[in-house]
Amino acid sequence: MIQSVKPLARRLAVSIVVLIVLFAITLAWRYERHESARRKREAGYELERRRYSAALRMGMSRKELQEYFRENNIVARPRMADELLVQIGQEDPPWFCSELNVFVKFQFDHHGTNPSQWPASDSDVLTSITTLYWPDRCL
């Protein structure tokens, strides 16, 4: 009887090891798929930022930039007096937020005393174009 238990225990142990290995391979495969998709999205965001950088020049006025947006039907929203944001994507948010939006951020040299001070001036000068990941509706 003891001899018949050993092969059964050995088969059970091998089966458990095989299941653990298959589970680990599945997790690694899913992680790689997720990371590959994330890298593709980030490359798309970078491409979008570069398109704006190629079409627009540093030093242009806020008024010129807003005319460009209007002519090309681009919706831009201010975050502070020295920034305009154009949404280019949305990512899976962290557990403590409802949204994770991706924007191209247009930074201006604001002529007010404080960057958050309104009103923004049409003569503000564009100083940078960057990508911004902005979590929203967080706890």
Protein backbone atom coordinates (compact mmCIF):
# COMPACT_ATOMS: atom_id res chain seq x y z
CA MET A 1 0.00 0.00 0.00
CA ILE A 2 2.83 2.41 0.83
CA GLN A 3 4.42 1.69 -2.52
CA SER A 4 1.22 2.69 -4.36
CA VAL A 5 1.02 6.00 -2.48
CA LYS A 6 4.51 7.13 -3.59
CA PRO A 7 3.73 7.13 -7.35
CA LEU A 8 0.45 8.92 -6.67
CA ALA A 9 2.19 11.56 -4.53
CA ARG A 10 4.88 11.95 -7.19
CA ARG A 11 2.25 12.44 -9.93
CA LEU A 12 0.40 14.94 -7.78
CA ALA A 13 3.62 16.89 -7.10
CA VAL A 14 4.54 16.91 -10.80
CA SER A 15 1.02 18.06 -11.70
CA ILE A 16 1.20 20.91 -9.19
CA VAL A 17 4.60 22.01 -10.51
CA VAL A 18 3.31 21.91 -14.11
CA LEU A 19 0.26 24.00 -13.13
CA ILE A 20 2.46 26.56 -11.34
CA VAL A 21 4.77 26.82 -14.37
CA LEU A 22 1.81 27.23 -16.75
CA PHE A 23 0.32 29.90 -14.48
CA ALA A 24 3.64 31.78 -14.38
CA ILE A 25 3.99 31.61 -18.17
CA THR A 26 0.43 32.92 -18.59
CA LEU A 27 1.11 35.82 -16.22
CA ALA A 28 4.34 36.71 -18.03
CA TRP A 29 2.60 36.56 -21.42
CA ARG A 30 -0.25 38.81 -20.23
CA TYR A 31 2.21 41.27 -18.68
CA GLU A 32 4.21 41.46 -21.92
CA ARG A 33 1.05 42.06 -23.97
CA HIS A 34 0.01 44.82 -21.57
CA GLU A 35 3.46 46.44 -21.68
CA SER A 36 3.62 46.21 -25.46
CA ALA A 37 0.25 47.96 -25.76
CA ARG A 38 1.37 50.63 -23.27
CA ARG A 39 4.57 51.27 -25.26
CA LYS A 40 2.51 51.62 -28.46
CA ARG A 41 0.19 54.13 -26.82
CA GLU A 42 3.11 56.13 -25.43
CA ALA A 43 4.75 56.17 -28.86
CA GLY A 44 1.48 57.54 -30.26
CA TYR A 45 1.42 60.25 -27.59
CA GLU A 46 5.01 61.19 -28.39
CA LEU A 47 4.20 61.30 -32.11
CA GLU A 48 1.26 63.62 -31.41
CA ARG A 49 3.46 65.90 -29.28
CA ARG A 50 6.08 66.00 -32.05
CA ARG A 51 3.42 66.92 -34.62
CA TYR A 52 2.46 69.92 -32.54
CA SER A 53 6.12 70.82 -32.01
CA ALA A 54 6.73 70.68 -35.77
CA ALA A 55 3.64 72.74 -36.62
CA LEU A 56 4.14 75.37 -33.94
CA ARG A 57 7.16 77.45 -32.99
CA MET A 58 8.47 78.46 -29.60
CA GLY A 59 7.98 82.17 -29.00
CA MET A 60 4.63 82.42 -30.78
CA SER A 61 1.91 84.31 -28.92
CA ARG A 62 -1.02 82.73 -27.16
CA LYS A 63 -3.30 84.49 -29.64
CA GLU A 64 -1.50 82.85 -32.61
CA LEU A 65 -1.71 79.45 -30.94
CA GLN A 66 -5.41 79.84 -30.23
CA GLU A 67 -5.98 80.83 -33.88
CA TYR A 68 -4.15 77.63 -34.94
CA PHE A 69 -6.41 75.59 -32.65
CA ARG A 70 -9.54 77.29 -33.99
CA GLU A 71 -8.51 76.77 -37.63
CA ASN A 72 -7.81 73.08 -37.00
CA ASN A 73 -10.86 72.40 -34.79
CA ILE A 74 -8.68 71.54 -31.79
CA VAL A 75 -10.23 71.88 -28.34
CA ALA A 76 -7.82 73.31 -25.79
CA ARG A 77 -8.61 74.01 -22.19
CA PRO A 78 -6.69 76.13 -19.72
CA ARG A 79 -5.42 74.56 -16.52
CA MET A 80 -3.67 77.65 -15.18
CA ALA A 81 -3.12 81.05 -16.76
CA ASP A 82 0.23 79.90 -18.15
CA GLU A 83 -0.94 76.56 -19.62
CA LEU A 84 -3.25 75.21 -22.29
CA LEU A 85 -4.04 71.49 -22.53
CA VAL A 86 -5.14 69.41 -25.53
CA GLN A 87 -6.34 65.91 -24.65
CA ILE A 88 -4.74 63.19 -26.78
CA GLY A 89 -5.61 60.04 -24.86
CA GLN A 90 -6.80 58.26 -21.76
CA GLU A 91 -5.07 55.50 -19.79
CA ASP A 92 -6.25 53.01 -17.20
CA PRO A 93 -6.34 54.99 -13.96
CA PRO A 94 -4.71 53.95 -10.71
CA TRP A 95 -7.13 52.37 -8.23
CA PHE A 96 -7.61 55.63 -6.32
CA CYS A 97 -8.64 57.72 -9.37
CA SER A 98 -11.49 57.54 -11.86
CA GLU A 99 -9.51 58.84 -14.85
CA LEU A 100 -5.96 59.21 -16.12
CA ASN A 101 -6.02 61.64 -19.03
CA VAL A 102 -3.11 62.32 -21.37
CA PHE A 103 -2.59 65.84 -22.69
CA VAL A 104 -0.20 67.85 -24.77
CA LYS A 105 0.65 70.78 -22.51
CA PHE A 106 1.47 74.17 -24.01
CA GLN A 107 3.40 76.25 -21.48
CA PHE A 108 3.53 80.03 -21.74
CA ASP A 109 5.66 82.77 -20.26
CA HIS A 110 2.79 84.47 -18.45
CA HIS A 111 3.16 88.18 -17.87
CA GLY A 112 1.17 88.18 -14.63
CA THR A 113 2.82 88.18 -11.21
CA ASN A 114 1.71 84.63 -10.47
CA PRO A 115 1.42 81.75 -13.03
CA SER A 116 -2.06 80.91 -11.78
CA GLN A 117 -3.20 84.54 -11.94
CA TRP A 118 -5.91 85.32 -14.46
CA PRO A 119 -6.55 86.75 -16.95
CA ALA A 120 -4.17 85.20 -19.41
CA SER A 121 -2.82 87.63 -21.95
CA ASP A 122 -2.92 87.23 -25.74
CA SER A 123 0.72 88.35 -25.72
CA ASP A 124 1.89 85.44 -23.53
CA VAL A 125 4.73 83.58 -25.30
CA LEU A 126 4.85 79.80 -25.91
CA THR A 127 7.89 78.34 -24.12
CA SER A 128 7.39 74.54 -24.20
CA ILE A 129 5.28 71.70 -25.52
CA THR A 130 5.27 68.57 -23.35
CA THR A 131 3.17 65.50 -22.59
CA LEU A 132 1.20 65.52 -19.34
CA TYR A 133 -0.41 62.54 -17.60
CA TRP A 134 -3.12 63.97 -15.35
CA PRO A 135 -5.05 61.80 -12.89
CA ASP A 136 -8.55 63.10 -12.32
CA ARG A 137 -11.35 62.45 -9.83
CA CYS A 138 -9.03 60.96 -7.23
CA LEU A 139 -9.84 60.12 -3.62
